[in-house]
C-alpha atoms as a PDB file:
ATOM      1  CA  MET A   1       8.711  12.728 -83.114  1.00  0.00           C
ATOM      2  CA  SER A   2       8.122  15.983 -84.679  1.00  0.00           C
ATOM      3  CA  LYS A   3       9.211  17.192 -88.468  1.00  0.00           C
ATOM      4  CA  LYS A   4      10.592  20.337 -89.850  1.00  0.00           C
ATOM      5  CA  LYS A   5       7.933  22.695 -91.273  1.00  0.00           C
ATOM      6  CA  SER A   6      10.314  22.598 -94.467  1.00  0.00           C
ATOM      7  CA  ASP A   7      10.067  18.621 -93.957  1.00  0.00           C
ATOM      8  CA  ALA A   8       5.955  18.925 -94.364  1.00  0.00           C
ATOM      9  CA  ALA A   9       6.170  20.723 -97.091  1.00  0.00           C
ATOM     10  CA  LYS A  10       7.863  18.845 -99.668  1.00  0.00           C
ATOM     11  CA  PRO A  11       5.449  16.531-101.870  1.00  0.00           C
ATOM     12  CA  GLY A  12       5.916  12.432-100.614  1.00  0.00           C
ATOM     13  CA  THR A  13       6.595  13.481 -97.072  1.00  0.00           C
ATOM     14  CA  VAL A  14       3.830  13.009 -93.990  1.00  0.00           C
ATOM     15  CA  GLU A  15       4.467  15.089 -91.172  1.00  0.00           C
ATOM     16  CA  VAL A  16       3.957  13.040 -88.013  1.00  0.00           C
ATOM     17  CA  GLN A  17       2.874  14.153 -84.487  1.00  0.00           C
ATOM     18  CA  THR A  18       3.028  11.647 -81.780  1.00  0.00           C
ATOM     19  CA  ALA A  19       0.429  12.151 -78.240  1.00  0.00           C
ATOM     20  CA  PRO A  20       1.433  11.319 -74.881  1.00  0.00           C
ATOM     21  CA  ALA A  21       0.754   8.018 -74.235  1.00  0.00           C
ATOM     22  CA  THR A  22      -1.912   7.791 -71.553  1.00  0.00           C
ATOM     23  CA  SER A  23      -1.538   5.874 -68.426  1.00  0.00           C
ATOM     24  CA  ASP A  24      -3.926   5.096 -65.217  1.00  0.00           C
ATOM     25  CA  ILE A  25      -1.640   5.043 -62.087  1.00  0.00           C
ATOM     26  CA  THR A  26      -1.151   1.415 -62.204  1.00  0.00           C
ATOM     27  CA  GLY A  27       0.392   2.107 -65.351  1.00  0.00           C
ATOM     28  CA  GLN A  28      -1.507   0.145 -67.420  1.00  0.00           C
ATOM     29  CA  GLY A  29      -2.655   2.219 -69.862  1.00  0.00           C
ATOM     30  CA  MET A  30      -6.325   1.875 -69.521  1.00  0.00           C
ATOM     31  CA  GLY A  31      -7.610   5.220 -68.149  1.00  0.00           C
ATOM     32  CA  ILE A  32      -8.059   5.752 -64.538  1.00  0.00           C
ATOM     33  CA  LEU A  33     -10.585   2.114 -63.453  1.00  0.00           C
ATOM     34  CA  PRO A  34      -8.622  -0.711 -63.117  1.00  0.00           C
ATOM     35  CA  GLY A  35      -6.333   1.891 -60.562  1.00  0.00           C
ATOM     36  CA  LEU A  36     -10.645   2.960 -58.856  1.00  0.00           C
ATOM     37  CA  ARG A  37     -10.894  -0.589 -58.997  1.00  0.00           C
ATOM     38  CA  HIS A  38      -7.668  -1.342 -56.699  1.00  0.00           C
ATOM     39  CA  GLU A  39      -8.900   1.071 -54.758  1.00  0.00           C
ATOM     40  CA  ILE A  40     -12.288   0.552 -53.718  1.00  0.00           C
ATOM     41  CA  ASP A  41     -11.492  -3.362 -53.668  1.00  0.00           C
ATOM     42  CA  ARG A  42      -8.429  -2.145 -50.709  1.00  0.00           C
ATOM     43  CA  LEU A  43     -11.238  -0.205 -49.774  1.00  0.00           C
ATOM     44  CA  PHE A  44     -13.826  -3.172 -48.646  1.00  0.00           C
ATOM     45  CA  ASP A  45     -10.756  -5.634 -47.943  1.00  0.00           C
ATOM     46  CA  GLU A  46     -10.464  -3.139 -45.277  1.00  0.00           C
ATOM     47  CA  PHE A  47     -13.867  -2.278 -44.259  1.00  0.00           C
ATOM     48  CA  ASP A  48     -13.789  -3.854 -40.229  1.00  0.00           C
ATOM     49  CA  PRO A  49     -16.434  -1.423 -38.166  1.00  0.00           C
ATOM     50  CA  TRP A  50     -16.084  -3.125 -34.886  1.00  0.00           C
ATOM     51  CA  GLY A  51     -12.247  -4.179 -34.916  1.00  0.00           C
ATOM     52  CA  TRP A  52     -13.328  -8.096 -34.717  1.00  0.00           C
ATOM     53  CA  GLY A  53     -10.630  -8.731 -38.002  1.00  0.00           C
ATOM     54  CA  LEU A  54     -13.033  -9.938 -39.965  1.00  0.00           C
ATOM     55  CA  SER A  55     -12.711  -8.172 -42.828  1.00  0.00           C
ATOM     56  CA  ARG A  56     -12.170 -10.078 -45.767  1.00  0.00           C
ATOM     57  CA  ARG A  57      -8.649 -10.476 -46.632  1.00  0.00           C
ATOM     58  CA  GLN A  58      -5.214  -9.570 -44.260  1.00  0.00           C
ATOM     59  CA  PRO A  59      -2.310 -10.124 -45.138  1.00  0.00           C
ATOM     60  CA  LEU A  60      -1.146  -8.827 -41.598  1.00  0.00           C
ATOM     61  CA  GLY A  61      -3.495 -10.558 -40.030  1.00  0.00           C
ATOM     62  CA  ARG A  62      -2.579 -14.100 -41.433  1.00  0.00           C
ATOM     63  CA  LEU A  63       1.216 -13.349 -40.717  1.00  0.00           C
ATOM     64  CA  ARG A  64       0.388 -12.669 -37.395  1.00  0.00           C
ATOM     65  CA  SER A  65      -1.667 -15.922 -37.212  1.00  0.00           C
ATOM     66  CA  ALA A  66       1.278 -18.070 -38.747  1.00  0.00           C
ATOM     67  CA  MET A  67       3.917 -16.540 -35.563  1.00  0.00           C
ATOM     68  CA  ALA A  68       0.992 -17.385 -32.746  1.00  0.00           C
ATOM     69  CA  PRO A  69      -2.349 -19.183 -33.180  1.00  0.00           C
ATOM     70  CA  MET A  70      -4.881 -16.960 -32.048  1.00  0.00           C
ATOM     71  CA  PRO A  71      -8.662 -18.717 -31.315  1.00  0.00           C
ATOM     72  CA  ALA A  72     -11.493 -18.346 -33.340  1.00  0.00           C
ATOM     73  CA  MET A  73     -14.081 -16.398 -32.738  1.00  0.00           C
ATOM     74  CA  ASP A  74     -18.043 -15.859 -33.475  1.00  0.00           C
ATOM     75  CA  LEU A  75     -19.894 -12.861 -32.720  1.00  0.00           C
ATOM     76  CA  VAL A  76     -23.185 -13.376 -32.684  1.00  0.00           C
ATOM     77  CA  GLU A  77     -26.102 -10.259 -31.874  1.00  0.00           C
ATOM     78  CA  ARG A  78     -29.566 -11.744 -30.220  1.00  0.00           C
ATOM     79  CA  ASP A  79     -32.690  -9.668 -29.747  1.00  0.00           C
ATOM     80  CA  GLY A  80     -31.281  -8.300 -26.427  1.00  0.00           C
ATOM     81  CA  ASP A  81     -27.672  -9.320 -26.088  1.00  0.00           C
ATOM     82  CA  PHE A  82     -24.402  -9.699 -28.107  1.00  0.00           C
ATOM     83  CA  GLU A  83     -22.222 -12.859 -27.818  1.00  0.00           C
ATOM     84  CA  LEU A  84     -18.749 -13.394 -28.670  1.00  0.00           C
ATOM     85  CA  THR A  85     -17.676 -16.846 -28.154  1.00  0.00           C
ATOM     86  CA  ALA A  86     -14.325 -18.088 -28.755  1.00  0.00           C
ATOM     87  CA  GLU A  87     -12.810 -21.560 -29.073  1.00  0.00           C
ATOM     88  CA  LEU A  88     -10.216 -22.072 -26.782  1.00  0.00           C
ATOM     89  CA  PRO A  89      -9.174 -26.016 -27.101  1.00  0.00           C
ATOM     90  CA  GLY A  90      -6.816 -27.561 -24.294  1.00  0.00           C
ATOM     91  CA  MET A  91      -7.530 -24.228 -21.803  1.00  0.00           C
ATOM     92  CA  SER A  92      -9.135 -24.398 -18.765  1.00  0.00           C
ATOM     93  CA  ALA A  93     -11.181 -21.056 -17.567  1.00  0.00           C
ATOM     94  CA  ASP A  94      -7.839 -20.045 -14.415  1.00  0.00           C
ATOM     95  CA  ASN A  95      -5.501 -19.801 -17.949  1.00  0.00           C
ATOM     96  CA  VAL A  96      -8.064 -17.067 -19.006  1.00  0.00           C
ATOM     97  CA  GLU A  97      -8.907 -13.310 -18.986  1.00  0.00           C
ATOM     98  CA  VAL A  98     -11.595 -10.921 -19.737  1.00  0.00           C
ATOM     99  CA  LYS A  99     -11.203  -7.673 -18.967  1.00  0.00           C
ATOM    100  CA  VAL A 100     -13.234  -4.447 -20.056  1.00  0.00           C
ATOM    101  CA  SER A 101     -11.798  -0.595 -20.315  1.00  0.00           C
ATOM    102  CA  ASP A 102     -12.575   2.186 -21.959  1.00  0.00           C
ATOM    103  CA  GLY A 103     -15.388   0.905 -24.481  1.00  0.00           C
ATOM    104  CA  THR A 104     -12.880  -2.098 -25.197  1.00  0.00           C
ATOM    105  CA  LEU A 105     -12.999  -6.352 -24.766  1.00  0.00           C
ATOM    106  CA  SER A 106      -9.916  -7.690 -23.870  1.00  0.00           C
ATOM    107  CA  ILE A 107      -9.141 -11.440 -24.003  1.00  0.00           C
ATOM    108  CA  ARG A 108      -6.115 -12.780 -23.351  1.00  0.00           C
ATOM    109  CA  GLY A 109      -5.311 -16.423 -22.647  1.00  0.00           C
ATOM    110  CA  GLU A 110      -2.093 -18.298 -22.178  1.00  0.00           C
ATOM    111  CA  LYS A 111      -1.327 -22.308 -21.974  1.00  0.00           C
ATOM    112  CA  THR A 112       1.720 -24.403 -20.982  1.00  0.00           C
ATOM    113  CA  GLU A 113       2.364 -27.888 -20.636  1.00  0.00           C
ATOM    114  CA  GLU A 114       4.934 -30.129 -20.606  1.00  0.00           C
ATOM    115  CA  ARG A 115       5.579 -34.067 -21.501  1.00  0.00           C
ATOM    116  CA  THR A 116       8.480 -36.426 -19.911  1.00  0.00           C
ATOM    117  CA  THR A 117       8.733 -39.838 -21.239  1.00  0.00           C
ATOM    118  CA  ASP A 118      11.693 -42.108 -19.446  1.00  0.00           C
ATOM    119  CA  GLU A 119      12.077 -45.823 -20.970  1.00  0.00           C
ATOM    120  CA  ASP A 120      14.498 -47.991 -20.719  1.00  0.00           C
ATOM    121  CA  ASN A 121      16.826 -46.665 -23.697  1.00  0.00           C
ATOM    122  CA  TYR A 122      15.512 -43.129 -23.684  1.00  0.00           C
ATOM    123  CA  HIS A 123      14.525 -40.480 -21.331  1.00  0.00           C
ATOM    124  CA  LEU A 124      11.808 -37.799 -23.495  1.00  0.00           C
ATOM    125  CA  SER A 125      10.942 -34.386 -22.308  1.00  0.00           C
ATOM    126  CA  GLU A 126       8.869 -31.671 -24.504  1.00  0.00           C
ATOM    127  CA  ARG A 127       7.461 -28.231 -23.460  1.00  0.00           C
ATOM    128  CA  SER A 128       5.198 -25.722 -24.863  1.00  0.00           C
ATOM    129  CA  PHE A 129       3.866 -22.490 -24.651  1.00  0.00           C
ATOM    130  CA  GLY A 130       1.732 -20.101 -26.233  1.00  0.00           C
ATOM    131  CA  ALA A 131      -0.032 -16.897 -25.475  1.00  0.00           C
ATOM    132  CA  PHE A 132      -2.436 -14.669 -27.064  1.00  0.00           C
ATOM    133  CA  HIS A 133      -4.434 -11.166 -26.521  1.00  0.00           C
ATOM    134  CA  ARG A 134      -7.194 -10.307 -28.700  1.00  0.00           C
ATOM    135  CA  ARG A 135      -8.464  -6.894 -28.042  1.00  0.00           C
ATOM    136  CA  CYS A 136     -11.854  -5.350 -29.469  1.00  0.00           C
ATOM    137  CA  LYS A 137     -14.398  -2.566 -29.786  1.00  0.00           C
ATOM    138  CA  LEU A 138     -18.045  -2.633 -28.434  1.00  0.00           C
ATOM    139  CA  PRO A 139     -20.668  -3.490 -30.405  1.00  0.00           C
ATOM    140  CA  PRO A 140     -22.849  -0.340 -30.404  1.00  0.00           C
ATOM    141  CA  GLY A 141     -25.339  -0.379 -27.637  1.00  0.00           C
ATOM    142  CA  ALA A 142     -23.809  -2.987 -25.402  1.00  0.00           C
ATOM    143  CA  ASP A 143     -24.116  -2.487 -21.277  1.00  0.00           C
ATOM    144  CA  PRO A 144     -20.036  -2.956 -20.382  1.00  0.00           C
ATOM    145  CA  ASP A 145     -21.669  -3.117 -16.382  1.00  0.00           C
ATOM    146  CA  ARG A 146     -23.800  -5.797 -17.273  1.00  0.00           C
ATOM    147  CA  ILE A 147     -21.046  -8.387 -18.985  1.00  0.00           C
ATOM    148  CA  ASP A 148     -20.671 -12.064 -18.166  1.00  0.00           C
ATOM    149  CA  ALA A 149     -18.032 -14.748 -19.390  1.00  0.00           C
ATOM    150  CA  ARG A 150     -18.971 -18.547 -18.856  1.00  0.00           C
ATOM    151  CA  PHE A 151     -16.260 -21.453 -20.331  1.00  0.00           C
ATOM    152  CA  SER A 152     -16.898 -24.769 -20.753  1.00  0.00           C
ATOM    153  CA  ASP A 153     -15.530 -27.881 -22.440  1.00  0.00           C
ATOM    154  CA  GLY A 154     -12.578 -25.414 -24.119  1.00  0.00           C
ATOM    155  CA  VAL A 155     -15.248 -23.034 -25.496  1.00  0.00           C
ATOM    156  CA  LEU A 156     -14.991 -19.439 -23.467  1.00  0.00           C
ATOM    157  CA  ARG A 157     -19.482 -17.354 -23.829  1.00  0.00           C
ATOM    158  CA  VAL A 158     -19.157 -13.446 -23.581  1.00  0.00           C
ATOM    159  CA  THR A 159     -22.212 -12.697 -23.242  1.00  0.00           C
ATOM    160  CA  MET A 160     -23.153  -8.114 -24.026  1.00  0.00           C
ATOM    161  CA  PRO A 161     -26.035  -7.440 -22.879  1.00  0.00           C
ATOM    162  CA  LYS A 162     -27.900  -4.053 -24.613  1.00  0.00           C
ATOM    163  CA  THR A 163     -28.733  -1.323 -23.194  1.00  0.00           C
ATOM    164  CA  PRO A 164     -32.256  -0.066 -22.626  1.00  0.00           C
ATOM    165  CA  GLU A 165     -31.679   2.839 -24.797  1.00  0.00           C
ATOM    166  CA  ALA A 166     -30.455   0.569 -27.351  1.00  0.00           C
ATOM    167  CA  ARG A 167     -33.329  -2.109 -27.063  1.00  0.00           C
ATOM    168  CA  GLU A 168     -35.347   0.706 -27.557  1.00  0.00           C
ATOM    169  CA  LYS A 169     -34.473   1.823 -30.577  1.00  0.00           C
ATOM    170  CA  GLU A 170     -35.283  -1.495 -32.241  1.00  0.00           C
ATOM    171  CA  ARG A 171     -37.954  -2.301 -33.376  1.00  0.00           C
ATOM    172  CA  LYS A 172     -39.711  -5.021 -35.759  1.00  0.00           C
ATOM    173  CA  ILE A 173     -40.399  -4.587 -39.336  1.00  0.00           C
ATOM    174  CA  ALA A 174     -43.886  -6.400 -40.899  1.00  0.00           C
ATOM    175  CA  ILE A 175     -43.149  -8.588 -43.922  1.00  0.00           C
ATOM    176  CA  LYS A 176     -46.160  -7.928 -46.399  1.00  0.00           C
ATOM    177  CA  SER A 177     -46.778 -10.211 -48.783  1.00  0.00           C
ATOM    178  CA  GLY A 178     -47.526  -9.357 -52.784  1.00  0.00           C
END
């Protein structure tokens, strides 16, 4: 709001000046900090260096899992290898396929089930079908030519031995007290 110069000079009048309102990128008027915090949170939420799907929050991942069940998977690094464990209840080794290509590990599975019940008063026939496909980058230092997969009691274990070069880069650090 602005006043004419002649109005401001009159006794008993006050000149009022308004400054433009400041607001951050979120429009909350608190400077840039809330927007910066939002952006940093988003970066951490999306951080997933190997593409294993282990980030903190994944709205699309939750949507995908609601549409088709995805197996629970764990990755563990040991002295000489990496081990990926996938829980595949109700499946057999014949229904699971593991492939490696261009530094990417691919696990695919399919499960079909059919159940029929014939009683005196009714006939019940149920069919279900489910499939999944997960792909992920091999961990750095994994030897793609020596990958081994084993399936037992509904659990798939994929062992990815480390290359000799990757083993040479590792060294144990002594911990001193005091």
